Amino acid sequence: MFLHLRRHCCEKKSYHKKPFETEKKTWFQAQDADGQGPRRNKASTAKRSQKTYGLMKNSSFAKEEHLKKSGLIKTVFDKGIPFKANFITVYILKKDTCTHLNRVAFIIRKILCGKKSVLRNRFRRVLREAYRKTKHLLPSGHDIIILAVATKKNTKSDTVEKELAHVFKKYCKK
């Protein structure tokens, strides 16, 4: 019987790999003390984040601007002034304390979206984007609730943005 000494073209050749220890050392050297990524100067990142926050302060939607407590939301519903538009109803309440931020809550009922959380979350994103673009029209120191009244699958943030801008201008005239 004849033995075939040659390799077939479909067989893979085995190559010698580097030992795991050297790979581990190079990866581990790139980590900082917490193991969270490349080493960096923490002071420089703090300065950098303050600079970017100053530049994007007007157009971003920070965590401090979220209105989350149910007691505060109930107060805005009870004492706030309602403004109605086609897609949204906005409740605005002037705060007693002087703060530099407005706090906002977005509410979309399950009934409007046919109990589809995907549609509810999409419309919440649309409302958030519309508010982010129009929040400069309202003076600071308010608690706001934006309540979705009529939603559609294809509702764009531009139409909601126009309605929200109209509501904020109407409130400022009063």
Protein backbone atom coordinates (compact mmCIF):
# COMPACT_ATOMS: atom_id res chain seq x y z
CA MET A 1 0.00 0.00 0.00
CA PHE A 2 1.25 3.44 -0.91
CA LEU A 3 1.36 6.15 1.81
CA HIS A 4 0.59 9.64 0.77
CA LEU A 5 3.20 11.94 2.34
CA ARG A 6 2.08 15.21 0.84
CA ARG A 7 -0.54 17.41 2.42
CA HIS A 8 -3.74 18.12 0.64
CA CYS A 9 -4.42 21.72 -0.32
CA CYS A 10 -7.51 21.80 1.88
CA GLU A 11 -5.59 20.94 5.07
CA LYS A 12 -4.53 23.88 7.20
CA LYS A 13 -0.92 24.33 8.12
CA SER A 14 -0.19 24.70 11.77
CA TYR A 15 1.73 27.82 12.65
CA HIS A 16 3.50 28.47 15.88
CA LYS A 17 1.65 31.11 17.93
CA LYS A 18 3.13 33.50 20.42
CA PRO A 19 2.82 32.35 23.98
CA PHE A 20 -0.22 33.63 25.84
CA GLU A 21 1.87 35.23 28.59
CA THR A 22 3.37 37.86 26.27
CA GLU A 23 -0.06 38.76 24.90
CA LYS A 24 -1.38 39.02 28.43
CA LYS A 25 1.45 41.34 29.48
CA THR A 26 0.92 43.75 26.60
CA TRP A 27 -2.83 43.85 27.19
CA PHE A 28 -2.44 44.26 30.94
CA GLN A 29 0.08 47.10 30.58
CA ALA A 30 -2.50 49.09 28.64
CA GLN A 31 -4.98 48.95 31.53
CA ASP A 32 -5.12 51.49 34.34
CA ALA A 33 -5.28 50.68 38.05
CA ASP A 34 -9.01 49.86 37.90
CA GLY A 35 -8.64 47.74 34.76
CA GLN A 36 -10.97 50.11 32.90
CA GLY A 37 -8.95 50.90 29.81
CA PRO A 38 -5.89 52.85 28.73
CA ARG A 39 -4.14 54.99 31.25
CA ARG A 40 -5.03 58.64 31.19
CA ASN A 41 -4.73 61.71 33.33
CA LYS A 42 -7.96 62.08 35.30
CA ALA A 43 -7.53 65.84 35.73
CA SER A 44 -7.36 66.39 31.97
CA THR A 45 -10.57 64.38 31.40
CA ALA A 46 -12.38 66.41 34.05
CA LYS A 47 -11.34 69.63 32.32
CA ARG A 48 -12.31 68.22 28.96
CA SER A 49 -15.75 67.16 30.17
CA GLN A 50 -16.38 70.61 31.66
CA LYS A 51 -15.43 72.23 28.36
CA THR A 52 -17.72 69.99 26.33
CA TYR A 53 -20.54 70.44 28.84
CA GLY A 54 -20.20 74.20 28.46
CA LEU A 55 -20.42 73.93 24.68
CA MET A 56 -23.29 71.47 24.57
CA LYS A 57 -25.17 72.76 27.59
CA ASN A 58 -27.96 74.37 25.60
CA SER A 59 -28.58 71.53 23.18
CA SER A 60 -28.27 68.47 25.41
CA PHE A 61 -30.75 66.81 27.75
CA ALA A 62 -28.98 66.11 31.04
CA LYS A 63 -30.10 63.82 33.86
CA GLU A 64 -30.77 66.83 36.09
CA GLU A 65 -33.51 67.89 33.67
CA HIS A 66 -35.56 64.71 34.15
CA LEU A 67 -38.65 64.96 36.35
CA LYS A 68 -38.97 61.50 37.90
CA LYS A 69 -40.67 61.63 41.30
CA SER A 70 -44.35 60.76 41.20
CA GLY A 71 -45.21 63.37 43.83
CA LEU A 72 -43.70 66.16 41.73
CA ILE A 73 -45.43 64.86 38.60
CA LYS A 74 -48.79 64.81 40.42
CA THR A 75 -48.23 68.41 41.59
CA VAL A 76 -47.58 69.53 38.03
CA PHE A 77 -50.76 67.78 36.85
CA ASP A 78 -52.81 69.39 39.65
CA LYS A 79 -51.40 72.94 39.71
CA GLY A 80 -49.85 73.31 36.26
CA ILE A 81 -51.32 75.23 33.36
CA PRO A 82 -52.37 72.92 30.49
CA PHE A 83 -51.70 73.84 26.86
CA LYS A 84 -53.22 71.63 24.16
CA ALA A 85 -51.95 70.93 20.66
CA ASN A 86 -52.71 68.25 18.04
CA PHE A 87 -50.29 65.57 19.21
CA ILE A 88 -49.42 66.72 22.74
CA THR A 89 -50.72 68.39 25.87
CA VAL A 90 -48.16 70.31 27.92
CA TYR A 91 -48.51 71.07 31.63
CA ILE A 92 -46.23 73.86 32.86
CA LEU A 93 -45.71 74.85 36.49
CA LYS A 94 -43.44 77.68 37.65
CA LYS A 95 -41.20 76.54 40.52
CA ASP A 96 -40.90 78.58 43.72
CA THR A 97 -37.16 78.07 44.03
CA CYS A 98 -34.90 79.81 41.57
CA THR A 99 -33.03 77.18 39.55
CA HIS A 100 -31.24 77.34 36.24
CA LEU A 101 -32.88 74.21 34.79
CA ASN A 102 -36.31 73.12 33.68
CA ARG A 103 -37.35 69.60 34.65
CA VAL A 104 -39.38 67.55 32.19
CA ALA A 105 -41.37 64.29 32.20
CA PHE A 106 -42.65 62.57 29.06
CA ILE A 107 -45.81 60.48 29.40
CA ILE A 108 -47.22 58.18 26.71
CA ARG A 109 -50.17 55.98 27.58
CA LYS A 110 -50.31 52.32 26.57
CA ILE A 111 -53.71 52.76 24.95
CA LEU A 112 -52.36 55.20 22.35
CA CYS A 113 -49.81 52.76 20.96
CA GLY A 114 -51.90 49.60 21.13
CA LYS A 115 -49.83 48.32 24.07
CA LYS A 116 -46.73 48.18 21.86
CA SER A 117 -43.72 49.24 23.89
CA VAL A 118 -41.66 49.73 20.73
CA LEU A 119 -44.02 52.45 19.48
CA ARG A 120 -44.30 53.99 22.94
CA ASN A 121 -40.52 54.23 23.28
CA ARG A 122 -40.16 55.60 19.76
CA PHE A 123 -42.64 58.36 20.44
CA ARG A 124 -40.90 59.11 23.75
CA ARG A 125 -37.67 59.57 21.80
CA VAL A 126 -39.48 61.85 19.34
CA LEU A 127 -40.85 63.96 22.22
CA ARG A 128 -37.45 64.12 23.89
CA GLU A 129 -35.76 65.26 20.68
CA ALA A 130 -38.43 67.89 20.03
CA TYR A 131 -38.05 69.22 23.58
CA ARG A 132 -34.26 69.24 23.32
CA LYS A 133 -34.45 71.45 20.23
CA THR A 134 -37.06 73.88 21.63
CA LYS A 135 -36.15 74.13 25.30
CA HIS A 136 -34.31 77.43 24.78
CA LEU A 137 -37.68 79.14 24.10
CA LEU A 138 -38.90 78.62 27.68
CA PRO A 139 -37.28 80.54 30.56
CA SER A 140 -35.66 78.44 33.29
CA GLY A 141 -37.30 77.45 36.57
CA HIS A 142 -40.26 75.36 35.39
CA ASP A 143 -41.54 71.83 35.84
CA ILE A 144 -43.01 70.50 32.61
CA ILE A 145 -45.00 67.42 31.65
CA ILE A 146 -45.38 66.58 27.99
CA LEU A 147 -48.31 64.21 27.55
CA ALA A 148 -48.88 62.41 24.24
CA VAL A 149 -52.49 62.75 23.10
CA ALA A 150 -52.54 61.36 19.56
CA THR A 151 -49.72 59.26 18.20
CA LYS A 152 -49.13 57.72 14.81
CA LYS A 153 -46.43 55.37 13.62
CA ASN A 154 -44.97 57.91 11.22
CA THR A 155 -45.04 60.99 13.49
CA LYS A 156 -41.84 62.98 12.99
CA SER A 157 -40.05 65.10 15.55
CA ASP A 158 -40.34 68.17 13.28
CA THR A 159 -44.13 68.33 13.62
CA VAL A 160 -43.99 67.81 17.37
CA GLU A 161 -41.20 70.38 17.59
CA LYS A 162 -43.36 73.00 15.87
CA GLU A 163 -46.25 72.30 18.24
CA LEU A 164 -43.99 72.46 21.28
CA ALA A 165 -42.44 75.73 20.12
CA HIS A 166 -45.94 77.16 19.63
CA VAL A 167 -46.94 76.09 23.17
CA PHE A 168 -43.79 77.56 24.73
CA LYS A 169 -44.29 80.88 22.91
CA LYS A 170 -47.93 80.96 24.00
CA TYR A 171 -46.87 80.38 27.64
CA CYS A 172 -44.26 83.13 27.49
CA LYS A 173 -46.87 85.66 26.25
CA LYS A 174 -49.06 85.04 29.34
